[in-house]
Amino acid sequence: MKRRFLAFILALGLLLPGCAGRNNDQVVYNADHSNCIYSDRCILITDLFSAELVDQQTGERRSFPLDAEGNASCSAGALFQRGREVYYLKTRHQTNSSGSIILSSIEELVAMDLQTLEERVIYRFSWEQNWFFGMLDLPPKDIEMSIVYTFFVHGGYFYFVSNLGLCRMSLLTGQYELYGADIPRQHAYDGQNLYYTDGYNRLLIQNLDTGKSHTVEEVVASNFVYTPQGVYYINILSENTLWHYDPATGKTEKISDLIGSSLDFDENSLYLHTDDGSFVRLSLSGEELARAEIPGSVVVPYQGDFLYQMDNTLDENGNWVSQLYQIRKSDLTKTLMS
């Protein structure tokens, strides 16, 4: 009973008006680019194979989560930031005495303060005991749970994308439902609205409180990002060139003739992988600022002077070895971090 009551208080702490300042912080979330969190103290970077916390002052690199050596791991590529907190999914494995066999696993939704690095557990769930984020120990109903790929937190709900579509779970009751079938993994969230593309690559914007949505017929995108300056997208209707859409005015505008395959951004710039293999930094108005040959995925923090790239290889013993590279934003030069 004490555990249930404590979990209930934690959830109320997330939702009560007294915590409204945290919920009112501007949110700029893009699911395809939710693998990096930047703060004055640290940078948190994840990929499919590893996660690292880099100290901004000392350059020290630490495995993440911070208790990773204690049979804990972080869900790959799924981070969500609101204010000074980062949310992530942590898995704790309980093993036999030799550590060779996993006996059970406990999943946790955790919020960590980016300045103090203190954690608070919002929910726990266990596959073996058949309860999901079991604040009230309620069993799953109607939907068989599946892998959580990406997620964000809005109002009293935990929204997550699985192989079933977009689901949401009540932070108070633990009950969850299929919110939208066949929602692509490419989606964004601004603190109020969900942005995503439909089966025809048209942009849809849905208010999560009212449920009302509208289709932006003019925006047909192979790739897009939501930013505080609006939506930037690779326009299928214009030979995959770079365009901008302003949700406030409904205006669309071409900003570059470059043909792109993927797109990213920070507070001052856009980053475009072009069809000829180049990696290009542009101003928000479309002016080319720098160009380099950088194959592979690049992690783009919203703030700071550097981009990052992880290179994971297998050593002779079959273990993954991760190397982290810094890419200077100003000229896109790449160096290996020690």
C-alpha atoms as a PDB file:
ATOM      1  CA  MET A   1       0.000   0.000   0.000  1.00  0.00           C
ATOM      2  CA  LYS A   2       2.834   2.406   0.798  1.00  0.00           C
ATOM      3  CA  ARG A   3       4.390   1.846  -2.655  1.00  0.00           C
ATOM      4  CA  ARG A   4       1.069   2.558  -4.372  1.00  0.00           C
ATOM      5  CA  PHE A   5       0.482   5.709  -2.356  1.00  0.00           C
ATOM      6  CA  LEU A   6       3.991   6.995  -3.097  1.00  0.00           C
ATOM      7  CA  ALA A   7       3.549   6.398  -6.821  1.00  0.00           C
ATOM      8  CA  PHE A   8       0.204   8.198  -6.686  1.00  0.00           C
ATOM      9  CA  ILE A   9       1.816  11.234  -5.045  1.00  0.00           C
ATOM     10  CA  LEU A  10       4.595  11.235  -7.665  1.00  0.00           C
ATOM     11  CA  ALA A  11       2.078  11.292 -10.469  1.00  0.00           C
ATOM     12  CA  LEU A  12       0.078  14.073  -8.837  1.00  0.00           C
ATOM     13  CA  GLY A  13       3.307  16.053  -8.482  1.00  0.00           C
ATOM     14  CA  LEU A  14       3.666  15.861 -12.248  1.00  0.00           C
ATOM     15  CA  LEU A  15       0.133  17.068 -12.889  1.00  0.00           C
ATOM     16  CA  LEU A  16      -0.881  19.515 -10.145  1.00  0.00           C
ATOM     17  CA  PRO A  17      -1.127  23.261 -10.988  1.00  0.00           C
ATOM     18  CA  GLY A  18       1.793  23.916  -8.682  1.00  0.00           C
ATOM     19  CA  CYS A  19       4.000  22.256 -11.294  1.00  0.00           C
ATOM     20  CA  ALA A  20       2.513  24.266 -14.157  1.00  0.00           C
ATOM     21  CA  GLY A  21       5.752  26.143 -14.719  1.00  0.00           C
ATOM     22  CA  ARG A  22       7.381  22.931 -15.872  1.00  0.00           C
ATOM     23  CA  ASN A  23       4.517  22.116 -18.245  1.00  0.00           C
ATOM     24  CA  ASN A  24       4.468  25.608 -19.757  1.00  0.00           C
ATOM     25  CA  ASP A  25       8.078  25.476 -20.917  1.00  0.00           C
ATOM     26  CA  GLN A  26       8.375  25.573 -24.684  1.00  0.00           C
ATOM     27  CA  VAL A  27       8.590  22.106 -26.185  1.00  0.00           C
ATOM     28  CA  VAL A  28      10.284  21.409 -29.510  1.00  0.00           C
ATOM     29  CA  TYR A  29      10.085  17.650 -29.983  1.00  0.00           C
ATOM     30  CA  ASN A  30      10.750  15.749 -33.216  1.00  0.00           C
ATOM     31  CA  ALA A  31      10.549  11.975 -32.907  1.00  0.00           C
ATOM     32  CA  ASP A  32      13.172  11.316 -35.574  1.00  0.00           C
ATOM     33  CA  HIS A  33      15.606  13.603 -33.738  1.00  0.00           C
ATOM     34  CA  SER A  34      14.895  12.759 -30.087  1.00  0.00           C
ATOM     35  CA  ASN A  35      18.268  11.123 -29.448  1.00  0.00           C
ATOM     36  CA  CYS A  36      20.101  14.166 -28.046  1.00  0.00           C
ATOM     37  CA  ILE A  37      19.478  16.475 -25.076  1.00  0.00           C
ATOM     38  CA  TYR A  38      21.540  19.607 -24.399  1.00  0.00           C
ATOM     39  CA  SER A  39      21.933  21.527 -21.133  1.00  0.00           C
ATOM     40  CA  ASP A  40      24.481  23.913 -19.637  1.00  0.00           C
ATOM     41  CA  ARG A  41      25.934  21.071 -17.587  1.00  0.00           C
ATOM     42  CA  CYS A  42      25.850  18.110 -19.963  1.00  0.00           C
ATOM     43  CA  ILE A  43      24.931  16.619 -23.317  1.00  0.00           C
ATOM     44  CA  LEU A  44      23.040  13.320 -23.434  1.00  0.00           C
ATOM     45  CA  ILE A  45      23.417  11.315 -26.655  1.00  0.00           C
ATOM     46  CA  THR A  46      21.847   7.967 -27.530  1.00  0.00           C
ATOM     47  CA  ASP A  47      21.824   5.681 -30.546  1.00  0.00           C
ATOM     48  CA  LEU A  48      20.723   2.103 -31.226  1.00  0.00           C
ATOM     49  CA  PHE A  49      23.690   0.607 -29.400  1.00  0.00           C
ATOM     50  CA  SER A  50      24.732   2.948 -26.588  1.00  0.00           C
ATOM     51  CA  ALA A  51      24.055   6.125 -24.627  1.00  0.00           C
ATOM     52  CA  GLU A  52      26.552   8.622 -23.243  1.00  0.00           C
ATOM     53  CA  LEU A  53      26.461  11.642 -20.944  1.00  0.00           C
ATOM     54  CA  VAL A  54      29.164  14.195 -21.813  1.00  0.00           C
ATOM     55  CA  ASP A  55      30.186  16.790 -19.207  1.00  0.00           C
ATOM     56  CA  GLN A  56      30.246  20.242 -20.838  1.00  0.00           C
ATOM     57  CA  GLN A  57      33.013  21.597 -18.588  1.00  0.00           C
ATOM     58  CA  THR A  58      35.417  18.669 -18.300  1.00  0.00           C
ATOM     59  CA  GLY A  59      34.637  16.661 -21.443  1.00  0.00           C
ATOM     60  CA  GLU A  60      34.213  13.533 -19.282  1.00  0.00           C
ATOM     61  CA  ARG A  61      32.143  10.806 -20.945  1.00  0.00           C
ATOM     62  CA  ARG A  62      29.964   8.543 -18.801  1.00  0.00           C
ATOM     63  CA  SER A  63      27.808   5.602 -19.800  1.00  0.00           C
ATOM     64  CA  PHE A  64      24.104   6.316 -19.476  1.00  0.00           C
ATOM     65  CA  PRO A  65      22.049   5.668 -17.454  1.00  0.00           C
ATOM     66  CA  LEU A  66      24.475   6.609 -14.721  1.00  0.00           C
ATOM     67  CA  ASP A  67      23.988   3.224 -13.038  1.00  0.00           C
ATOM     68  CA  ALA A  68      24.505   1.389 -16.338  1.00  0.00           C
ATOM     69  CA  GLU A  69      27.083  -0.875 -14.696  1.00  0.00           C
ATOM     70  CA  GLY A  70      24.353  -2.133 -12.379  1.00  0.00           C
ATOM     71  CA  ASN A  71      22.403  -4.052 -15.030  1.00  0.00           C
ATOM     72  CA  ALA A  72      20.470  -0.973 -16.186  1.00  0.00           C
ATOM     73  CA  SER A  73      20.105   0.240 -19.761  1.00  0.00           C
ATOM     74  CA  CYS A  74      18.426   3.120 -21.580  1.00  0.00           C
ATOM     75  CA  SER A  75      15.891   2.620 -24.361  1.00  0.00           C
ATOM     76  CA  ALA A  76      17.596   3.414 -27.655  1.00  0.00           C
ATOM     77  CA  GLY A  77      17.028   6.817 -29.188  1.00  0.00           C
ATOM     78  CA  ALA A  78      13.929   7.757 -27.156  1.00  0.00           C
ATOM     79  CA  LEU A  79      14.348  10.933 -25.093  1.00  0.00           C
ATOM     80  CA  PHE A  80      11.897  13.721 -24.286  1.00  0.00           C
ATOM     81  CA  GLN A  81      12.802  17.088 -22.732  1.00  0.00           C
ATOM     82  CA  ARG A  82      10.524  19.510 -20.912  1.00  0.00           C
ATOM     83  CA  GLY A  83      12.301  22.420 -19.248  1.00  0.00           C
ATOM     84  CA  ARG A  84      15.268  21.218 -17.215  1.00  0.00           C
ATOM     85  CA  GLU A  85      14.104  17.601 -17.101  1.00  0.00           C
ATOM     86  CA  VAL A  86      14.748  14.797 -19.568  1.00  0.00           C
ATOM     87  CA  TYR A  87      12.433  11.774 -19.646  1.00  0.00           C
ATOM     88  CA  TYR A  88      13.704   8.368 -20.692  1.00  0.00           C
ATOM     89  CA  LEU A  89      12.888   4.676 -20.365  1.00  0.00           C
ATOM     90  CA  LYS A  90      15.212   2.627 -18.209  1.00  0.00           C
ATOM     91  CA  THR A  91      15.373  -1.159 -18.053  1.00  0.00           C
ATOM     92  CA  ARG A  92      16.663  -2.918 -14.947  1.00  0.00           C
ATOM     93  CA  HIS A  93      17.612  -6.580 -15.321  1.00  0.00           C
ATOM     94  CA  GLN A  94      17.543  -9.025 -12.424  1.00  0.00           C
ATOM     95  CA  THR A  95      19.987 -11.841 -13.175  1.00  0.00           C
ATOM     96  CA  ASN A  96      21.225 -15.053 -11.623  1.00  0.00           C
ATOM     97  CA  SER A  97      24.299 -15.035  -9.396  1.00  0.00           C
ATOM     98  CA  SER A  98      26.700 -15.288 -12.342  1.00  0.00           C
ATOM     99  CA  GLY A  99      24.897 -12.565 -14.285  1.00  0.00           C
ATOM    100  CA  SER A 100      24.567 -14.828 -17.323  1.00  0.00           C
ATOM    101  CA  ILE A 101      20.773 -15.307 -17.265  1.00  0.00           C
ATOM    102  CA  ILE A 102      18.140 -12.558 -17.009  1.00  0.00           C
ATOM    103  CA  LEU A 103      15.476 -13.707 -14.556  1.00  0.00           C
ATOM    104  CA  SER A 104      13.170 -10.697 -14.890  1.00  0.00           C
ATOM    105  CA  SER A 105      13.123  -7.108 -16.093  1.00  0.00           C
ATOM    106  CA  ILE A 106      11.587  -3.961 -14.678  1.00  0.00           C
ATOM    107  CA  GLU A 107      10.934  -0.967 -16.940  1.00  0.00           C
ATOM    108  CA  GLU A 108      10.877   2.561 -15.561  1.00  0.00           C
ATOM    109  CA  LEU A 109       9.778   5.922 -16.923  1.00  0.00           C
ATOM    110  CA  VAL A 110      12.334   8.264 -15.363  1.00  0.00           C
ATOM    111  CA  ALA A 111      12.699  12.046 -15.279  1.00  0.00           C
ATOM    112  CA  MET A 112      16.215  13.372 -14.610  1.00  0.00           C
ATOM    113  CA  ASP A 113      17.094  16.952 -13.640  1.00  0.00           C
ATOM    114  CA  LEU A 114      19.721  18.075 -16.154  1.00  0.00           C
ATOM    115  CA  GLN A 115      21.485  20.313 -13.628  1.00  0.00           C
ATOM    116  CA  THR A 116      21.604  18.087 -10.539  1.00  0.00           C
ATOM    117  CA  LEU A 117      21.429  14.728 -12.426  1.00  0.00           C
ATOM    118  CA  GLU A 118      18.917  13.540  -9.829  1.00  0.00           C
ATOM    119  CA  GLU A 119      16.309  11.029 -11.002  1.00  0.00           C
ATOM    120  CA  ARG A 120      12.669  10.530 -10.088  1.00  0.00           C
ATOM    121  CA  VAL A 121      10.792   7.421 -11.167  1.00  0.00           C
ATOM    122  CA  ILE A 122       7.309   8.204 -12.472  1.00  0.00           C
ATOM    123  CA  TYR A 123       6.172   4.670 -13.283  1.00  0.00           C
ATOM    124  CA  ARG A 124       7.399   1.109 -13.223  1.00  0.00           C
ATOM    125  CA  PHE A 125       6.140  -1.904 -15.106  1.00  0.00           C
ATOM    126  CA  SER A 126       7.051  -5.566 -15.307  1.00  0.00           C
ATOM    127  CA  TRP A 127       6.397  -8.023 -18.124  1.00  0.00           C
ATOM    128  CA  GLU A 128       6.755 -11.002 -15.775  1.00  0.00           C
ATOM    129  CA  GLN A 129       4.144  -9.676 -13.319  1.00  0.00           C
ATOM    130  CA  ASN A 130       1.905  -8.403 -16.144  1.00  0.00           C
ATOM    131  CA  TRP A 131       1.491  -4.813 -14.967  1.00  0.00           C
ATOM    132  CA  PHE A 132       2.369  -1.775 -17.028  1.00  0.00           C
ATOM    133  CA  PHE A 133       3.688   1.399 -15.367  1.00  0.00           C
ATOM    134  CA  GLY A 134       1.834  -0.141 -12.460  1.00  0.00           C
ATOM    135  CA  MET A 135       1.053   2.807 -10.219  1.00  0.00           C
ATOM    136  CA  LEU A 136      -2.247   1.160  -9.326  1.00  0.00           C
ATOM    137  CA  ASP A 137      -1.109  -2.302 -10.423  1.00  0.00           C
ATOM    138  CA  LEU A 138      -3.739  -2.337 -13.156  1.00  0.00           C
ATOM    139  CA  PRO A 139      -3.342  -5.121 -15.736  1.00  0.00           C
ATOM    140  CA  PRO A 140      -3.256  -4.221 -19.447  1.00  0.00           C
ATOM    141  CA  LYS A 141      -6.648  -4.216 -21.159  1.00  0.00           C
ATOM    142  CA  ASP A 142      -7.799  -4.428 -24.783  1.00  0.00           C
ATOM    143  CA  ILE A 143      -4.334  -3.993 -26.319  1.00  0.00           C
ATOM    144  CA  GLU A 144      -1.375  -6.320 -26.092  1.00  0.00           C
ATOM    145  CA  MET A 145       1.613  -4.160 -25.158  1.00  0.00           C
ATOM    146  CA  SER A 146       4.458  -3.874 -27.618  1.00  0.00           C
ATOM    147  CA  ILE A 147       7.818  -2.172 -27.997  1.00  0.00           C
ATOM    148  CA  VAL A 148       7.957   1.563 -27.248  1.00  0.00           C
ATOM    149  CA  TYR A 149       9.933   3.289 -30.017  1.00  0.00           C
ATOM    150  CA  THR A 150       9.515   7.001 -29.225  1.00  0.00           C
ATOM    151  CA  PHE A 151       7.415   8.908 -26.695  1.00  0.00           C
ATOM    152  CA  PHE A 152       6.443  12.270 -25.243  1.00  0.00           C
ATOM    153  CA  VAL A 153       4.402  13.422 -22.236  1.00  0.00           C
ATOM    154  CA  HIS A 154       1.352  15.678 -22.614  1.00  0.00           C
ATOM    155  CA  GLY A 155      -1.185  16.636 -19.956  1.00  0.00           C
ATOM    156  CA  GLY A 156      -2.040  13.535 -17.979  1.00  0.00           C
ATOM    157  CA  TYR A 157      -0.837  11.123 -20.647  1.00  0.00           C
ATOM    158  CA  PHE A 158       2.270   9.284 -21.801  1.00  0.00           C
ATOM    159  CA  TYR A 159       2.076   9.099 -25.621  1.00  0.00           C
ATOM    160  CA  PHE A 160       4.195   6.465 -27.313  1.00  0.00           C
ATOM    161  CA  VAL A 161       4.671   4.989 -30.773  1.00  0.00           C
ATOM    162  CA  SER A 162       4.716   1.217 -31.049  1.00  0.00           C
ATOM    163  CA  ASN A 163       4.262  -1.273 -33.857  1.00  0.00           C
ATOM    164  CA  LEU A 164       0.507  -0.861 -33.262  1.00  0.00           C
ATOM    165  CA  GLY A 165       0.465   2.885 -33.922  1.00  0.00           C
ATOM    166  CA  LEU A 166       0.243   5.841 -31.557  1.00  0.00           C
ATOM    167  CA  CYS A 167      -0.868   4.793 -28.070  1.00  0.00           C
ATOM    168  CA  ARG A 168      -1.397   6.785 -24.922  1.00  0.00           C
ATOM    169  CA  MET A 169      -1.436   5.832 -21.248  1.00  0.00           C
ATOM    170  CA  SER A 170      -3.024   7.703 -18.372  1.00  0.00           C
ATOM    171  CA  LEU A 171      -0.401   8.815 -15.859  1.00  0.00           C
ATOM    172  CA  LEU A 172      -2.985   8.457 -13.082  1.00  0.00           C
ATOM    173  CA  THR A 173      -4.595   5.096 -13.779  1.00  0.00           C
ATOM    174  CA  GLY A 174      -2.047   3.211 -15.876  1.00  0.00           C
ATOM    175  CA  GLN A 175      -4.749   2.411 -18.459  1.00  0.00           C
ATOM    176  CA  TYR A 176      -3.762   2.815 -22.079  1.00  0.00           C
ATOM    177  CA  GLU A 177      -5.426   2.844 -25.472  1.00  0.00           C
ATOM    178  CA  LEU A 178      -4.649   2.934 -29.160  1.00  0.00           C
ATOM    179  CA  TYR A 179      -4.877   6.654 -29.936  1.00  0.00           C
ATOM    180  CA  GLY A 180      -4.147   6.593 -33.670  1.00  0.00           C
ATOM    181  CA  ALA A 181      -3.525   3.600 -35.894  1.00  0.00           C
ATOM    182  CA  ASP A 182      -0.830   3.680 -38.551  1.00  0.00           C
ATOM    183  CA  ILE A 183       0.743   6.931 -37.346  1.00  0.00           C
ATOM    184  CA  PRO A 184       4.211   7.028 -38.994  1.00  0.00           C
ATOM    185  CA  ARG A 185       7.226   7.223 -36.734  1.00  0.00           C
ATOM    186  CA  GLN A 186       7.953  10.668 -38.194  1.00  0.00           C
ATOM    187  CA  HIS A 187       6.024  13.033 -35.967  1.00  0.00           C
ATOM    188  CA  ALA A 188       6.551  16.150 -33.846  1.00  0.00           C
ATOM    189  CA  TYR A 189       5.006  17.850 -30.812  1.00  0.00           C
ATOM    190  CA  ASP A 190       4.995  21.527 -29.777  1.00  0.00           C
ATOM    191  CA  GLY A 191       3.532  21.252 -26.275  1.00  0.00           C
ATOM    192  CA  GLN A 192      -0.036  21.328 -27.561  1.00  0.00           C
ATOM    193  CA  ASN A 193      -0.267  19.897 -31.073  1.00  0.00           C
ATOM    194  CA  LEU A 194       0.850  16.706 -32.784  1.00  0.00           C
ATOM    195  CA  TYR A 195       2.344  17.091 -36.277  1.00  0.00           C
ATOM    196  CA  TYR A 196       2.586  14.054 -38.531  1.00  0.00           C
ATOM    197  CA  THR A 197       2.333  12.928 -42.152  1.00  0.00           C
ATOM    198  CA  ASP A 198      -0.390  10.640 -43.462  1.00  0.00           C
ATOM    199  CA  GLY A 199      -0.180   7.829 -46.017  1.00  0.00           C
ATOM    200  CA  TYR A 200      -0.002  10.410 -48.790  1.00  0.00           C
ATOM    201  CA  ASN A 201       2.839  12.307 -47.056  1.00  0.00           C
ATOM    202  CA  ARG A 202       0.531  15.250 -46.338  1.00  0.00           C
ATOM    203  CA  LEU A 203       1.092  17.167 -43.100  1.00  0.00           C
ATOM    204  CA  LEU A 204      -1.602  16.816 -40.422  1.00  0.00           C
ATOM    205  CA  ILE A 205      -1.820  18.907 -37.253  1.00  0.00           C
ATOM    206  CA  GLN A 206      -3.898  17.629 -34.334  1.00  0.00           C
ATOM    207  CA  ASN A 207      -4.756  19.410 -31.080  1.00  0.00           C
ATOM    208  CA  LEU A 208      -4.228  16.787 -28.372  1.00  0.00           C
ATOM    209  CA  ASP A 209      -6.692  18.368 -25.943  1.00  0.00           C
ATOM    210  CA  THR A 210      -9.641  18.736 -28.318  1.00  0.00           C
ATOM    211  CA  GLY A 211      -8.781  15.905 -30.700  1.00  0.00           C
ATOM    212  CA  LYS A 212      -9.498  18.177 -33.672  1.00  0.00           C
ATOM    213  CA  SER A 213      -7.130  17.928 -36.627  1.00  0.00           C
ATOM    214  CA  HIS A 214      -6.685  19.449 -40.053  1.00  0.00           C
ATOM    215  CA  THR A 215      -4.717  18.477 -43.128  1.00  0.00           C
ATOM    216  CA  VAL A 216      -2.292  20.934 -44.717  1.00  0.00           C
ATOM    217  CA  GLU A 217      -2.833  19.986 -48.354  1.00  0.00           C
ATOM    218  CA  GLU A 218       0.008  22.225 -49.570  1.00  0.00           C
ATOM    219  CA  VAL A 219       2.650  20.417 -47.497  1.00  0.00           C
ATOM    220  CA  VAL A 220       3.581  17.022 -48.972  1.00  0.00           C
ATOM    221  CA  ALA A 221       6.840  16.054 -47.285  1.00  0.00           C
ATOM    222  CA  SER A 222       9.264  13.163 -47.465  1.00  0.00           C
ATOM    223  CA  ASN A 223      10.880  14.560 -44.295  1.00  0.00           C
ATOM    224  CA  PHE A 224      10.060  17.449 -41.959  1.00  0.00           C
ATOM    225  CA  VAL A 225      11.038  19.086 -38.673  1.00  0.00           C
ATOM    226  CA  TYR A 226       8.981  21.287 -36.387  1.00  0.00           C
ATOM    227  CA  THR A 227      10.908  24.336 -35.080  1.00  0.00           C
ATOM    228  CA  PRO A 228       9.942  27.509 -33.183  1.00  0.00           C
ATOM    229  CA  GLN A 229      10.094  29.256 -36.579  1.00  0.00           C
ATOM    230  CA  GLY A 230       7.613  26.834 -38.164  1.00  0.00           C
ATOM    231  CA  VAL A 231       7.851  23.608 -40.162  1.00  0.00           C
ATOM    232  CA  TYR A 232      10.763  23.017 -42.542  1.00  0.00           C
ATOM    233  CA  TYR A 233      10.293  20.172 -44.972  1.00  0.00           C
ATOM    234  CA  ILE A 234      11.607  18.389 -48.050  1.00  0.00           C
ATOM    235  CA  ASN A 235       8.900  19.034 -50.619  1.00  0.00           C
ATOM    236  CA  ILE A 236       7.888  16.030 -52.724  1.00  0.00           C
ATOM    237  CA  LEU A 237       5.884  18.331 -54.986  1.00  0.00           C
ATOM    238  CA  SER A 238       8.991  20.387 -55.779  1.00  0.00           C
ATOM    239  CA  GLU A 239      11.630  17.737 -56.604  1.00  0.00           C
ATOM    240  CA  ASN A 240      12.590  17.272 -52.906  1.00  0.00           C
ATOM    241  CA  THR A 241      13.816  20.841 -52.458  1.00  0.00           C
ATOM    242  CA  LEU A 242      13.722  22.603 -49.089  1.00  0.00           C
ATOM    243  CA  TRP A 243      10.608  24.562 -48.082  1.00  0.00           C
ATOM    244  CA  HIS A 244       9.130  26.326 -45.042  1.00  0.00           C
ATOM    245  CA  TYR A 245       5.550  26.283 -43.731  1.00  0.00           C
ATOM    246  CA  ASP A 246       4.251  28.838 -41.196  1.00  0.00           C
ATOM    247  CA  PRO A 247       1.369  27.310 -39.141  1.00  0.00           C
ATOM    248  CA  ALA A 248       0.273  30.779 -37.993  1.00  0.00           C
ATOM    249  CA  THR A 249      -0.286  32.178 -41.495  1.00  0.00           C
ATOM    250  CA  GLY A 250      -0.602  29.015 -43.580  1.00  0.00           C
ATOM    251  CA  LYS A 251       2.054  30.330 -45.959  1.00  0.00           C
ATOM    252  CA  THR A 252       4.513  27.999 -47.709  1.00  0.00           C
ATOM    253  CA  GLU A 253       7.798  29.210 -49.190  1.00  0.00           C
ATOM    254  CA  LYS A 254      10.730  27.638 -51.017  1.00  0.00           C
ATOM    255  CA  ILE A 255      14.012  28.490 -49.284  1.00  0.00           C
ATOM    256  CA  SER A 256      16.608  26.390 -51.146  1.00  0.00           C
ATOM    257  CA  ASP A 257      17.056  24.610 -54.474  1.00  0.00           C
ATOM    258  CA  LEU A 258      19.189  21.924 -52.801  1.00  0.00           C
ATOM    259  CA  ILE A 259      17.697  18.436 -53.154  1.00  0.00           C
ATOM    260  CA  GLY A 260      17.584  16.761 -49.754  1.00  0.00           C
ATOM    261  CA  SER A 261      17.147  13.270 -48.338  1.00  0.00           C
ATOM    262  CA  SER A 262      16.944  14.135 -44.617  1.00  0.00           C
ATOM    263  CA  LEU A 263      16.746  17.257 -42.496  1.00  0.00           C
ATOM    264  CA  ASP A 264      17.712  18.484 -39.018  1.00  0.00           C
ATOM    265  CA  PHE A 265      18.001  21.820 -37.215  1.00  0.00           C
ATOM    266  CA  ASP A 266      19.260  23.813 -34.245  1.00  0.00           C
ATOM    267  CA  GLU A 267      18.349  27.257 -32.898  1.00  0.00           C
ATOM    268  CA  ASN A 268      20.169  29.062 -35.728  1.00  0.00           C
ATOM    269  CA  SER A 269      20.626  26.640 -38.620  1.00  0.00           C
ATOM    270  CA  LEU A 270      19.265  23.840 -40.765  1.00  0.00           C
ATOM    271  CA  TYR A 271      21.274  20.722 -41.659  1.00  0.00           C
ATOM    272  CA  LEU A 272      20.538  18.897 -44.884  1.00  0.00           C
ATOM    273  CA  HIS A 273      21.781  15.565 -46.201  1.00  0.00           C
ATOM    274  CA  THR A 274      21.665  16.095 -49.958  1.00  0.00           C
ATOM    275  CA  ASP A 275      21.091  13.510 -52.675  1.00  0.00           C
ATOM    276  CA  ASP A 276      24.747  13.784 -53.760  1.00  0.00           C
ATOM    277  CA  GLY A 277      25.984  12.678 -50.308  1.00  0.00           C
ATOM    278  CA  SER A 278      26.923  16.089 -48.911  1.00  0.00           C
ATOM    279  CA  PHE A 279      26.083  17.346 -45.438  1.00  0.00           C
ATOM    280  CA  VAL A 280      25.150  21.042 -45.635  1.00  0.00           C
ATOM    281  CA  ARG A 281      24.566  23.678 -42.979  1.00  0.00           C
ATOM    282  CA  LEU A 282      22.152  26.451 -43.982  1.00  0.00           C
ATOM    283  CA  SER A 283      20.732  29.545 -42.336  1.00  0.00           C
ATOM    284  CA  LEU A 284      17.030  29.479 -41.456  1.00  0.00           C
ATOM    285  CA  SER A 285      16.448  31.573 -44.584  1.00  0.00           C
ATOM    286  CA  GLY A 286      18.195  28.990 -46.803  1.00  0.00           C
ATOM    287  CA  GLU A 287      21.663  30.500 -47.298  1.00  0.00           C
ATOM    288  CA  GLU A 288      24.419  27.845 -47.499  1.00  0.00           C
ATOM    289  CA  LEU A 289      26.928  28.309 -44.655  1.00  0.00           C
ATOM    290  CA  ALA A 290      29.122  25.184 -44.738  1.00  0.00           C
ATOM    291  CA  ARG A 291      29.424  21.859 -46.563  1.00  0.00           C
ATOM    292  CA  ALA A 292      31.257  18.592 -45.845  1.00  0.00           C
ATOM    293  CA  GLU A 293      31.257  14.895 -46.739  1.00  0.00           C
ATOM    294  CA  ILE A 294      29.924  13.262 -43.561  1.00  0.00           C
ATOM    295  CA  PRO A 295      28.183   9.942 -44.249  1.00  0.00           C
ATOM    296  CA  GLY A 296      25.926   8.371 -41.670  1.00  0.00           C
ATOM    297  CA  SER A 297      23.686   9.750 -38.964  1.00  0.00           C
ATOM    298  CA  VAL A 298      24.661  13.015 -37.236  1.00  0.00           C
ATOM    299  CA  VAL A 299      23.319  14.066 -33.820  1.00  0.00           C
ATOM    300  CA  VAL A 300      22.327  17.750 -33.745  1.00  0.00           C
ATOM    301  CA  PRO A 301      21.914  19.409 -30.302  1.00  0.00           C
ATOM    302  CA  TYR A 302      19.526  22.364 -30.356  1.00  0.00           C
ATOM    303  CA  GLN A 303      22.173  24.562 -28.716  1.00  0.00           C
ATOM    304  CA  GLY A 304      25.968  24.568 -28.469  1.00  0.00           C
ATOM    305  CA  ASP A 305      28.889  24.745 -30.906  1.00  0.00           C
ATOM    306  CA  PHE A 306      29.170  21.082 -31.907  1.00  0.00           C
ATOM    307  CA  LEU A 307      27.349  18.262 -33.620  1.00  0.00           C
ATOM    308  CA  TYR A 308      28.100  14.648 -32.666  1.00  0.00           C
ATOM    309  CA  GLN A 309      28.440  11.311 -34.391  1.00  0.00           C
ATOM    310  CA  MET A 310      28.732   7.871 -32.821  1.00  0.00           C
ATOM    311  CA  ASP A 311      30.693   5.097 -34.504  1.00  0.00           C
ATOM    312  CA  ASN A 312      29.975   1.656 -33.039  1.00  0.00           C
ATOM    313  CA  THR A 313      32.126  -1.340 -33.997  1.00  0.00           C
ATOM    314  CA  LEU A 314      32.620  -4.868 -32.716  1.00  0.00           C
ATOM    315  CA  ASP A 315      35.981  -5.680 -31.134  1.00  0.00           C
ATOM    316  CA  GLU A 316      37.754  -9.036 -31.420  1.00  0.00           C
ATOM    317  CA  ASN A 317      35.741 -10.356 -28.457  1.00  0.00           C
ATOM    318  CA  GLY A 318      32.417  -9.468 -30.032  1.00  0.00           C
ATOM    319  CA  ASN A 319      31.765  -6.477 -27.742  1.00  0.00           C
ATOM    320  CA  TRP A 320      30.473  -3.153 -29.025  1.00  0.00           C
ATOM    321  CA  VAL A 321      33.033  -0.338 -28.865  1.00  0.00           C
ATOM    322  CA  SER A 322      31.723   3.204 -29.219  1.00  0.00           C
ATOM    323  CA  GLN A 323      33.729   6.149 -30.543  1.00  0.00           C
ATOM    324  CA  LEU A 324      32.300   9.654 -30.260  1.00  0.00           C
ATOM    325  CA  TYR A 325      33.166  12.400 -32.739  1.00  0.00           C
ATOM    326  CA  GLN A 326      32.653  16.158 -32.446  1.00  0.00           C
ATOM    327  CA  ILE A 327      31.724  18.123 -35.561  1.00  0.00           C
ATOM    328  CA  ARG A 328      32.218  21.878 -35.303  1.00  0.00           C
ATOM    329  CA  LYS A 329      29.061  23.623 -36.454  1.00  0.00           C
ATOM    330  CA  SER A 330      30.803  26.632 -37.973  1.00  0.00           C
ATOM    331  CA  ASP A 331      32.830  24.719 -40.591  1.00  0.00           C
ATOM    332  CA  LEU A 332      31.723  21.054 -40.130  1.00  0.00           C
ATOM    333  CA  THR A 333      35.240  19.809 -39.294  1.00  0.00           C
ATOM    334  CA  LYS A 334      35.195  16.435 -37.520  1.00  0.00           C
ATOM    335  CA  THR A 335      37.452  15.310 -34.649  1.00  0.00           C
ATOM    336  CA  LEU A 336      37.543  12.220 -32.425  1.00  0.00           C
ATOM    337  CA  MET A 337      36.841  12.904 -28.738  1.00  0.00           C
ATOM    338  CA  SER A 338      39.309  11.316 -26.326  1.00  0.00           C
END
